Amino acid sequence: MIVITGSLVARAEDYEELERLSLAHVQRSRLEPGCIAHGVHRDVENPLRLVFLEKWQDQAAVDAHFGVPESIEFVQRAVALADGPPTIEVFDVGQQS
């Protein structure tokens, strides 16, 4: 299983739009083959920061997800609304029992 974490800090005037785009992205991503879980959460210490937590079946599912045109468009639009670059970390957690 592949676990991905990422975050974006919105500019205050763009938070609502970034949140709306993020929720739509999460809902669409949950329907993709190999998606185990996909969520977006608001940071309790920085209410302008959105944190993503994703779980994917394997690297092939991740590669497919990042190749979906809607995913590419989401990243471009989200980065344009952010106050700085996004963070992303990818972990291969192997087989889960």
PDB file of N, CA and C in Angstrom:
ATOM      1  N   MET A   1       0.846  -1.174   0.000  1.00  0.00           N
ATOM      2  CA  MET A   1       0.000   0.000   0.000  1.00  0.00           C
ATOM      3  C   MET A   1       0.893   1.239   0.000  1.00  0.00           C
ATOM      4  N   ILE A   2       0.420   2.259  -0.704  1.00  0.00           N
ATOM      5  CA  ILE A   2       1.113   3.535  -0.778  1.00  0.00           C
ATOM      6  C   ILE A   2       0.285   4.561  -0.003  1.00  0.00           C
ATOM      7  N   VAL A   3       0.935   5.290   0.903  1.00  0.00           N
ATOM      8  CA  VAL A   3       0.295   6.353   1.668  1.00  0.00           C
ATOM      9  C   VAL A   3       0.912   7.674   1.227  1.00  0.00           C
ATOM     10  N   ILE A   4       0.049   8.632   0.953  1.00  0.00           N
ATOM     11  CA  ILE A   4       0.503   9.955   0.525  1.00  0.00           C
ATOM     12  C   ILE A   4      -0.071  10.992   1.480  1.00  0.00           C
ATOM     13  N   THR A   5       0.797  11.884   1.939  1.00  0.00           N
ATOM     14  CA  THR A   5       0.338  13.045   2.691  1.00  0.00           C
ATOM     15  C   THR A   5       0.780  14.280   1.923  1.00  0.00           C
ATOM     16  N   GLY A   6      -0.030  15.307   2.022  1.00  0.00           N
ATOM     17  CA  GLY A   6       0.306  16.559   1.363  1.00  0.00           C
ATOM     18  C   GLY A   6      -0.440  17.689   2.025  1.00  0.00           C
ATOM     19  N   SER A   7       0.021  18.902   1.801  1.00  0.00           N
ATOM     20  CA  SER A   7      -0.690  20.038   2.374  1.00  0.00           C
ATOM     21  C   SER A   7      -0.480  21.287   1.537  1.00  0.00           C
ATOM     22  N   LEU A   8      -1.437  22.190   1.699  1.00  0.00           N
ATOM     23  CA  LEU A   8      -1.400  23.498   1.067  1.00  0.00           C
ATOM     24  C   LEU A   8      -1.890  24.519   2.083  1.00  0.00           C
ATOM     25  N   VAL A   9      -1.285  25.691   2.075  1.00  0.00           N
ATOM     26  CA  VAL A   9      -1.776  26.797   2.880  1.00  0.00           C
ATOM     27  C   VAL A   9      -2.399  27.802   1.918  1.00  0.00           C
ATOM     28  N   ALA A  10      -3.682  28.074   2.116  1.00  0.00           N
ATOM     29  CA  ALA A  10      -4.400  28.999   1.250  1.00  0.00           C
ATOM     30  C   ALA A  10      -4.133  30.438   1.654  1.00  0.00           C
ATOM     31  N   ARG A  11      -4.213  31.328   0.690  1.00  0.00           N
ATOM     32  CA  ARG A  11      -4.307  32.744   1.023  1.00  0.00           C
ATOM     33  C   ARG A  11      -5.699  32.931   1.631  1.00  0.00           C
ATOM     34  N   ALA A  12      -5.838  33.794   2.615  1.00  0.00           N
ATOM     35  CA  ALA A  12      -7.106  33.955   3.338  1.00  0.00           C
ATOM     36  C   ALA A  12      -8.273  34.202   2.386  1.00  0.00           C
ATOM     37  N   GLU A  13      -8.079  35.027   1.395  1.00  0.00           N
ATOM     38  CA  GLU A  13      -9.167  35.353   0.468  1.00  0.00           C
ATOM     39  C   GLU A  13      -9.518  34.199  -0.466  1.00  0.00           C
ATOM     40  N   ASP A  14      -8.672  33.185  -0.549  1.00  0.00           N
ATOM     41  CA  ASP A  14      -8.899  32.057  -1.463  1.00  0.00           C
ATOM     42  C   ASP A  14      -9.223  30.760  -0.745  1.00  0.00           C
ATOM     43  N   TYR A  15      -9.331  30.802   0.599  1.00  0.00           N
ATOM     44  CA  TYR A  15      -9.544  29.552   1.337  1.00  0.00           C
ATOM     45  C   TYR A  15     -10.803  28.810   0.889  1.00  0.00           C
ATOM     46  N   GLU A  16     -11.923  29.489   0.820  1.00  0.00           N
ATOM     47  CA  GLU A  16     -13.180  28.813   0.483  1.00  0.00           C
ATOM     48  C   GLU A  16     -13.113  28.141  -0.882  1.00  0.00           C
ATOM     49  N   GLU A  17     -12.509  28.795  -1.843  1.00  0.00           N
ATOM     50  CA  GLU A  17     -12.373  28.207  -3.180  1.00  0.00           C
ATOM     51  C   GLU A  17     -11.447  26.991  -3.150  1.00  0.00           C
ATOM     52  N   LEU A  18     -10.345  27.095  -2.428  1.00  0.00           N
ATOM     53  CA  LEU A  18      -9.426  25.959  -2.324  1.00  0.00           C
ATOM     54  C   LEU A  18     -10.104  24.787  -1.622  1.00  0.00           C
ATOM     55  N   GLU A  19     -10.861  25.067  -0.578  1.00  0.00           N
ATOM     56  CA  GLU A  19     -11.575  23.997   0.113  1.00  0.00           C
ATOM     57  C   GLU A  19     -12.592  23.335  -0.815  1.00  0.00           C
ATOM     58  N   ARG A  20     -13.338  24.133  -1.566  1.00  0.00           N
ATOM     59  CA  ARG A  20     -14.326  23.586  -2.506  1.00  0.00           C
ATOM     60  C   ARG A  20     -13.662  22.696  -3.561  1.00  0.00           C
ATOM     61  N   LEU A  21     -12.573  23.183  -4.142  1.00  0.00           N
ATOM     62  CA  LEU A  21     -11.839  22.391  -5.136  1.00  0.00           C
ATOM     63  C   LEU A  21     -11.285  21.103  -4.519  1.00  0.00           C
ATOM     64  N   SER A  22     -10.781  21.207  -3.292  1.00  0.00           N
ATOM     65  CA  SER A  22     -10.189  20.048  -2.620  1.00  0.00           C
ATOM     66  C   SER A  22     -11.236  18.977  -2.347  1.00  0.00           C
ATOM     67  N   LEU A  23     -12.410  19.387  -1.865  1.00  0.00           N
ATOM     68  CA  LEU A  23     -13.472  18.418  -1.591  1.00  0.00           C
ATOM     69  C   LEU A  23     -13.939  17.726  -2.866  1.00  0.00           C
ATOM     70  N   ALA A  24     -14.055  18.472  -3.952  1.00  0.00           N
ATOM     71  CA  ALA A  24     -14.444  17.867  -5.232  1.00  0.00           C
ATOM     72  C   ALA A  24     -13.378  16.877  -5.698  1.00  0.00           C
ATOM     73  N   HIS A  25     -12.103  17.244  -5.533  1.00  0.00           N
ATOM     74  CA  HIS A  25     -10.998  16.361  -5.916  1.00  0.00           C
ATOM     75  C   HIS A  25     -11.028  15.065  -5.097  1.00  0.00           C
ATOM     76  N   VAL A  26     -11.260  15.191  -3.800  1.00  0.00           N
ATOM     77  CA  VAL A  26     -11.316  14.018  -2.923  1.00  0.00           C
ATOM     78  C   VAL A  26     -12.457  13.097  -3.335  1.00  0.00           C
ATOM     79  N   GLN A  27     -13.625  13.661  -3.556  1.00  0.00           N
ATOM     80  CA  GLN A  27     -14.784  12.848  -3.931  1.00  0.00           C
ATOM     81  C   GLN A  27     -14.545  12.109  -5.240  1.00  0.00           C
ATOM     82  N   ARG A  28     -13.938  12.795  -6.224  1.00  0.00           N
ATOM     83  CA  ARG A  28     -13.649  12.158  -7.507  1.00  0.00           C
ATOM     84  C   ARG A  28     -12.584  11.077  -7.347  1.00  0.00           C
ATOM     85  N   SER A  29     -11.548  11.376  -6.567  1.00  0.00           N
ATOM     86  CA  SER A  29     -10.445  10.435  -6.396  1.00  0.00           C
ATOM     87  C   SER A  29     -10.879   9.150  -5.721  1.00  0.00           C
ATOM     88  N   ARG A  30     -11.832   9.233  -4.816  1.00  0.00           N
ATOM     89  CA  ARG A  30     -12.323   8.039  -4.112  1.00  0.00           C
ATOM     90  C   ARG A  30     -12.926   7.008  -5.061  1.00  0.00           C
ATOM     91  N   LEU A  31     -13.328   7.446  -6.235  1.00  0.00           N
ATOM     92  CA  LEU A  31     -13.945   6.545  -7.212  1.00  0.00           C
ATOM     93  C   LEU A  31     -12.923   5.869  -8.125  1.00  0.00           C
ATOM     94  N   GLU A  32     -11.676   6.278  -8.033  1.00  0.00           N
ATOM     95  CA  GLU A  32     -10.641   5.728  -8.918  1.00  0.00           C
ATOM     96  C   GLU A  32     -10.240   4.321  -8.482  1.00  0.00           C
ATOM     97  N   PRO A  33      -9.920   3.465  -9.461  1.00  0.00           N
ATOM     98  CA  PRO A  33      -9.446   2.118  -9.118  1.00  0.00           C
ATOM     99  C   PRO A  33      -8.193   2.193  -8.247  1.00  0.00           C
ATOM    100  N   GLY A  34      -8.150   1.377  -7.216  1.00  0.00           N
ATOM    101  CA  GLY A  34      -6.982   1.316  -6.345  1.00  0.00           C
ATOM    102  C   GLY A  34      -6.992   2.312  -5.211  1.00  0.00           C
ATOM    103  N   CYS A  35      -8.004   3.182  -5.135  1.00  0.00           N
ATOM    104  CA  CYS A  35      -8.083   4.146  -4.034  1.00  0.00           C
ATOM    105  C   CYS A  35      -8.698   3.446  -2.827  1.00  0.00           C
ATOM    106  N   ILE A  36      -7.945   3.396  -1.740  1.00  0.00           N
ATOM    107  CA  ILE A  36      -8.426   2.802  -0.492  1.00  0.00           C
ATOM    108  C   ILE A  36      -9.067   3.885   0.378  1.00  0.00           C
ATOM    109  N   ALA A  37      -8.440   5.051   0.434  1.00  0.00           N
ATOM    110  CA  ALA A  37      -8.959   6.179   1.204  1.00  0.00           C
ATOM    111  C   ALA A  37      -8.370   7.463   0.642  1.00  0.00           C
ATOM    112  N   HIS A  38      -9.157   8.526   0.739  1.00  0.00           N
ATOM    113  CA  HIS A  38      -8.686   9.827   0.251  1.00  0.00           C
ATOM    114  C   HIS A  38      -9.470  10.886   1.012  1.00  0.00           C
ATOM    115  N   GLY A  39      -8.773  11.741   1.742  1.00  0.00           N
ATOM    116  CA  GLY A  39      -9.457  12.759   2.513  1.00  0.00           C
ATOM    117  C   GLY A  39      -8.675  14.047   2.581  1.00  0.00           C
ATOM    118  N   VAL A  40      -9.389  15.103   2.931  1.00  0.00           N
ATOM    119  CA  VAL A  40      -8.765  16.405   3.149  1.00  0.00           C
ATOM    120  C   VAL A  40      -9.257  16.911   4.495  1.00  0.00           C
ATOM    121  N   HIS A  41      -8.352  17.508   5.251  1.00  0.00           N
ATOM    122  CA  HIS A  41      -8.627  17.907   6.626  1.00  0.00           C
ATOM    123  C   HIS A  41      -8.083  19.305   6.869  1.00  0.00           C
ATOM    124  N   ARG A  42      -8.763  20.043   7.738  1.00  0.00           N
ATOM    125  CA  ARG A  42      -8.313  21.388   8.094  1.00  0.00           C
ATOM    126  C   ARG A  42      -7.411  21.291   9.323  1.00  0.00           C
ATOM    127  N   ASP A  43      -6.270  21.926   9.246  1.00  0.00           N
ATOM    128  CA  ASP A  43      -5.296  21.953  10.339  1.00  0.00           C
ATOM    129  C   ASP A  43      -5.877  22.768  11.497  1.00  0.00           C
ATOM    130  N   VAL A  44      -5.905  22.198  12.707  1.00  0.00           N
ATOM    131  CA  VAL A  44      -6.481  22.909  13.854  1.00  0.00           C
ATOM    132  C   VAL A  44      -5.577  24.040  14.351  1.00  0.00           C
ATOM    133  N   GLU A  45      -4.302  23.996  14.021  1.00  0.00           N
ATOM    134  CA  GLU A  45      -3.386  25.053  14.443  1.00  0.00           C
ATOM    135  C   GLU A  45      -3.254  26.159  13.401  1.00  0.00           C
ATOM    136  N   ASN A  46      -3.510  25.835  12.140  1.00  0.00           N
ATOM    137  CA  ASN A  46      -3.471  26.820  11.062  1.00  0.00           C
ATOM    138  C   ASN A  46      -4.713  26.600  10.203  1.00  0.00           C
ATOM    139  N   PRO A  47      -5.779  27.332  10.453  1.00  0.00           N
ATOM    140  CA  PRO A  47      -7.035  27.090   9.750  1.00  0.00           C
ATOM    141  C   PRO A  47      -7.002  27.390   8.255  1.00  0.00           C
ATOM    142  N   LEU A  48      -5.910  27.918   7.758  1.00  0.00           N
ATOM    143  CA  LEU A  48      -5.768  28.123   6.317  1.00  0.00           C
ATOM    144  C   LEU A  48      -5.044  26.955   5.639  1.00  0.00           C
ATOM    145  N   ARG A  49      -4.612  25.981   6.431  1.00  0.00           N
ATOM    146  CA  ARG A  49      -3.852  24.841   5.903  1.00  0.00           C
ATOM    147  C   ARG A  49      -4.772  23.636   5.731  1.00  0.00           C
ATOM    148  N   LEU A  50      -4.776  23.080   4.523  1.00  0.00           N
ATOM    149  CA  LEU A  50      -5.503  21.853   4.222  1.00  0.00           C
ATOM    150  C   LEU A  50      -4.501  20.717   4.091  1.00  0.00           C
ATOM    151  N   VAL A  51      -4.799  19.605   4.738  1.00  0.00           N
ATOM    152  CA  VAL A  51      -3.908  18.449   4.749  1.00  0.00           C
ATOM    153  C   VAL A  51      -4.627  17.276   4.079  1.00  0.00           C
ATOM    154  N   PHE A  52      -3.954  16.652   3.155  1.00  0.00           N
ATOM    155  CA  PHE A  52      -4.501  15.504   2.430  1.00  0.00           C
ATOM    156  C   PHE A  52      -3.880  14.223   2.960  1.00  0.00           C
ATOM    157  N   LEU A  53      -4.705  13.200   3.108  1.00  0.00           N
ATOM    158  CA  LEU A  53      -4.241  11.870   3.479  1.00  0.00           C
ATOM    159  C   LEU A  53      -4.861  10.892   2.498  1.00  0.00           C
ATOM    160  N   GLU A  54      -3.988  10.163   1.787  1.00  0.00           N
ATOM    161  CA  GLU A  54      -4.442   9.235   0.757  1.00  0.00           C
ATOM    162  C   GLU A  54      -3.823   7.863   0.989  1.00  0.00           C
ATOM    163  N   LYS A  55      -4.594   6.825   0.688  1.00  0.00           N
ATOM    164  CA  LYS A  55      -4.094   5.450   0.709  1.00  0.00           C
ATOM    165  C   LYS A  55      -4.467   4.809  -0.614  1.00  0.00           C
ATOM    166  N   TRP A  56      -3.451   4.236  -1.258  1.00  0.00           N
ATOM    167  CA  TRP A  56      -3.630   3.616  -2.572  1.00  0.00           C
ATOM    168  C   TRP A  56      -3.148   2.170  -2.525  1.00  0.00           C
ATOM    169  N   GLN A  57      -3.767   1.345  -3.332  1.00  0.00           N
ATOM    170  CA  GLN A  57      -3.460  -0.089  -3.355  1.00  0.00           C
ATOM    171  C   GLN A  57      -2.003  -0.348  -3.709  1.00  0.00           C
ATOM    172  N   ASP A  58      -1.502   0.369  -4.710  1.00  0.00           N
ATOM    173  CA  ASP A  58      -0.128   0.138  -5.168  1.00  0.00           C
ATOM    174  C   ASP A  58       0.353   1.342  -5.968  1.00  0.00           C
ATOM    175  N   GLN A  59       1.611   1.283  -6.388  1.00  0.00           N
ATOM    176  CA  GLN A  59       2.201   2.395  -7.133  1.00  0.00           C
ATOM    177  C   GLN A  59       1.511   2.606  -8.470  1.00  0.00           C
ATOM    178  N   ALA A  60       1.044   1.546  -9.100  1.00  0.00           N
ATOM    179  CA  ALA A  60       0.331   1.685 -10.376  1.00  0.00           C
ATOM    180  C   ALA A  60      -0.922   2.540 -10.208  1.00  0.00           C
ATOM    181  N   ALA A  61      -1.641   2.349  -9.098  1.00  0.00           N
ATOM    182  CA  ALA A  61      -2.838   3.156  -8.833  1.00  0.00           C
ATOM    183  C   ALA A  61      -2.460   4.624  -8.619  1.00  0.00           C
ATOM    184  N   VAL A  62      -1.354   4.862  -7.915  1.00  0.00           N
ATOM    185  CA  VAL A  62      -0.875   6.235  -7.692  1.00  0.00           C
ATOM    186  C   VAL A  62      -0.510   6.879  -9.026  1.00  0.00           C
ATOM    187  N   ASP A  63       0.230   6.152  -9.848  1.00  0.00           N
ATOM    188  CA  ASP A  63       0.639   6.678 -11.154  1.00  0.00           C
ATOM    189  C   ASP A  63      -0.582   7.023 -12.001  1.00  0.00           C
ATOM    190  N   ALA A  64      -1.577   6.150 -11.988  1.00  0.00           N
ATOM    191  CA  ALA A  64      -2.803   6.408 -12.748  1.00  0.00           C
ATOM    192  C   ALA A  64      -3.509   7.651 -12.208  1.00  0.00           C
ATOM    193  N   HIS A  65      -3.581   7.778 -10.889  1.00  0.00           N
ATOM    194  CA  HIS A  65      -4.239   8.921 -10.258  1.00  0.00           C
ATOM    195  C   HIS A  65      -3.573  10.232 -10.669  1.00  0.00           C
ATOM    196  N   PHE A  66      -2.262  10.279 -10.618  1.00  0.00           N
ATOM    197  CA  PHE A  66      -1.572  11.511 -10.964  1.00  0.00           C
ATOM    198  C   PHE A  66      -1.583  11.790 -12.465  1.00  0.00           C
ATOM    199  N   GLY A  67      -1.995  10.802 -13.264  1.00  0.00           N
ATOM    200  CA  GLY A  67      -2.103  10.997 -14.705  1.00  0.00           C
ATOM    201  C   GLY A  67      -3.493  11.397 -15.169  1.00  0.00           C
ATOM    202  N   VAL A  68      -4.475  11.351 -14.275  1.00  0.00           N
ATOM    203  CA  VAL A  68      -5.843  11.738 -14.621  1.00  0.00           C
ATOM    204  C   VAL A  68      -5.868  13.239 -14.900  1.00  0.00           C
ATOM    205  N   PRO A  69      -6.431  13.662 -16.044  1.00  0.00           N
ATOM    206  CA  PRO A  69      -6.444  15.088 -16.360  1.00  0.00           C
ATOM    207  C   PRO A  69      -7.051  15.952 -15.254  1.00  0.00           C
ATOM    208  N   GLU A  70      -8.094  15.462 -14.582  1.00  0.00           N
ATOM    209  CA  GLU A  70      -8.701  16.233 -13.505  1.00  0.00           C
ATOM    210  C   GLU A  70      -7.756  16.406 -12.315  1.00  0.00           C
ATOM    211  N   SER A  71      -6.904  15.410 -12.056  1.00  0.00           N
ATOM    212  CA  SER A  71      -5.916  15.535 -10.986  1.00  0.00           C
ATOM    213  C   SER A  71      -4.861  16.575 -11.338  1.00  0.00           C
ATOM    214  N   ILE A  72      -4.426  16.554 -12.570  1.00  0.00           N
ATOM    215  CA  ILE A  72      -3.435  17.540 -13.032  1.00  0.00           C
ATOM    216  C   ILE A  72      -4.019  18.941 -12.928  1.00  0.00           C
ATOM    217  N   GLU A  73      -5.273  19.107 -13.368  1.00  0.00           N
ATOM    218  CA  GLU A  73      -5.932  20.410 -13.298  1.00  0.00           C
ATOM    219  C   GLU A  73      -6.118  20.854 -11.843  1.00  0.00           C
ATOM    220  N   PHE A  74      -6.495  19.918 -10.969  1.00  0.00           N
ATOM    221  CA  PHE A  74      -6.653  20.267  -9.556  1.00  0.00           C
ATOM    222  C   PHE A  74      -5.357  20.812  -8.980  1.00  0.00           C
ATOM    223  N   VAL A  75      -4.257  20.136  -9.222  1.00  0.00           N
ATOM    224  CA  VAL A  75      -2.963  20.581  -8.681  1.00  0.00           C
ATOM    225  C   VAL A  75      -2.632  21.984  -9.192  1.00  0.00           C
ATOM    226  N   GLN A  76      -2.823  22.217 -10.474  1.00  0.00           N
ATOM    227  CA  GLN A  76      -2.524  23.537 -11.039  1.00  0.00           C
ATOM    228  C   GLN A  76      -3.377  24.623 -10.402  1.00  0.00           C
ATOM    229  N   ARG A  77      -4.668  24.368 -10.259  1.00  0.00           N
ATOM    230  CA  ARG A  77      -5.578  25.362  -9.678  1.00  0.00           C
ATOM    231  C   ARG A  77      -5.294  25.560  -8.187  1.00  0.00           C
ATOM    232  N   ALA A  78      -5.024  24.466  -7.473  1.00  0.00           N
ATOM    233  CA  ALA A  78      -4.766  24.554  -6.035  1.00  0.00           C
ATOM    234  C   ALA A  78      -3.492  25.345  -5.760  1.00  0.00           C
ATOM    235  N   VAL A  79      -2.452  25.078  -6.512  1.00  0.00           N
ATOM    236  CA  VAL A  79      -1.187  25.793  -6.320  1.00  0.00           C
ATOM    237  C   VAL A  79      -1.380  27.294  -6.577  1.00  0.00           C
ATOM    238  N   ALA A  80      -2.230  27.628  -7.544  1.00  0.00           N
ATOM    239  CA  ALA A  80      -2.491  29.035  -7.841  1.00  0.00           C
ATOM    240  C   ALA A  80      -3.211  29.740  -6.686  1.00  0.00           C
ATOM    241  N   LEU A  81      -3.946  28.982  -5.859  1.00  0.00           N
ATOM    242  CA  LEU A  81      -4.675  29.555  -4.731  1.00  0.00           C
ATOM    243  C   LEU A  81      -3.881  29.502  -3.428  1.00  0.00           C
ATOM    244  N   ALA A  82      -2.737  28.866  -3.460  1.00  0.00           N
ATOM    245  CA  ALA A  82      -1.950  28.642  -2.245  1.00  0.00           C
ATOM    246  C   ALA A  82      -0.983  29.784  -1.976  1.00  0.00           C
ATOM    247  N   ASP A  83      -0.657  29.914  -0.706  1.00  0.00           N
ATOM    248  CA  ASP A  83       0.309  30.907  -0.258  1.00  0.00           C
ATOM    249  C   ASP A  83       1.653  30.210  -0.059  1.00  0.00           C
ATOM    250  N   GLY A  84       2.220  29.739  -1.153  1.00  0.00           N
ATOM    251  CA  GLY A  84       3.481  29.012  -1.094  1.00  0.00           C
ATOM    252  C   GLY A  84       3.338  27.637  -1.718  1.00  0.00           C
ATOM    253  N   PRO A  85       4.448  26.943  -1.854  1.00  0.00           N
ATOM    254  CA  PRO A  85       4.423  25.629  -2.515  1.00  0.00           C
ATOM    255  C   PRO A  85       3.762  24.559  -1.639  1.00  0.00           C
ATOM    256  N   PRO A  86       3.189  23.554  -2.287  1.00  0.00           N
ATOM    257  CA  PRO A  86       2.600  22.447  -1.522  1.00  0.00           C
ATOM    258  C   PRO A  86       3.689  21.540  -0.968  1.00  0.00           C
ATOM    259  N   THR A  87       3.305  20.748   0.026  1.00  0.00           N
ATOM    260  CA  THR A  87       4.190  19.677   0.494  1.00  0.00           C
ATOM    261  C   THR A  87       3.565  18.355   0.073  1.00  0.00           C
ATOM    262  N   ILE A  88       4.401  17.354  -0.148  1.00  0.00           N
ATOM    263  CA  ILE A  88       3.909  16.022  -0.469  1.00  0.00           C
ATOM    264  C   ILE A  88       4.944  15.002  -0.002  1.00  0.00           C
ATOM    265  N   GLU A  89       4.453  13.932   0.605  1.00  0.00           N
ATOM    266  CA  GLU A  89       5.310  12.829   1.020  1.00  0.00           C
ATOM    267  C   GLU A  89       4.630  11.536   0.588  1.00  0.00           C
ATOM    268  N   VAL A  90       5.424  10.596   0.096  1.00  0.00           N
ATOM    269  CA  VAL A  90       4.907   9.316  -0.387  1.00  0.00           C
ATOM    270  C   VAL A  90       5.620   8.204   0.367  1.00  0.00           C
ATOM    271  N   PHE A  91       4.829   7.286   0.917  1.00  0.00           N
ATOM    272  CA  PHE A  91       5.358   6.182   1.711  1.00  0.00           C
ATOM    273  C   PHE A  91       4.872   4.857   1.158  1.00  0.00           C
ATOM    274  N   ASP A  92       5.770   3.915   0.986  1.00  0.00           N
ATOM    275  CA  ASP A  92       5.412   2.541   0.634  1.00  0.00           C
ATOM    276  C   ASP A  92       5.369   1.771   1.942  1.00  0.00           C
ATOM    277  N   VAL A  93       4.170   1.424   2.386  1.00  0.00           N
ATOM    278  CA  VAL A  93       4.034   0.756   3.673  1.00  0.00           C
ATOM    279  C   VAL A  93       3.903  -0.748   3.516  1.00  0.00           C
ATOM    280  N   GLY A  94       4.115  -1.260   2.310  1.00  0.00           N
ATOM    281  CA  GLY A  94       4.132  -2.707   2.101  1.00  0.00           C
ATOM    282  C   GLY A  94       2.792  -3.371   2.365  1.00  0.00           C
ATOM    283  N   GLN A  95       2.826  -4.647   2.558  1.00  0.00           N
ATOM    284  CA  GLN A  95       1.623  -5.433   2.793  1.00  0.00           C
ATOM    285  C   GLN A  95       1.061  -5.145   4.171  1.00  0.00           C
ATOM    286  N   GLN A  96      -0.227  -4.987   4.265  1.00  0.00           N
ATOM    287  CA  GLN A  96      -0.927  -4.804   5.544  1.00  0.00           C
ATOM    288  C   GLN A  96      -1.653  -6.094   5.894  1.00  0.00           C
ATOM    289  N   SER A  97      -1.548  -6.525   7.140  1.00  0.00           N
ATOM    290  CA  SER A  97      -2.253  -7.726   7.552  1.00  0.00           C
ATOM    291  C   SER A  97      -3.476  -7.399   8.354  1.00  0.00           C
TER     292      SER A  97
END
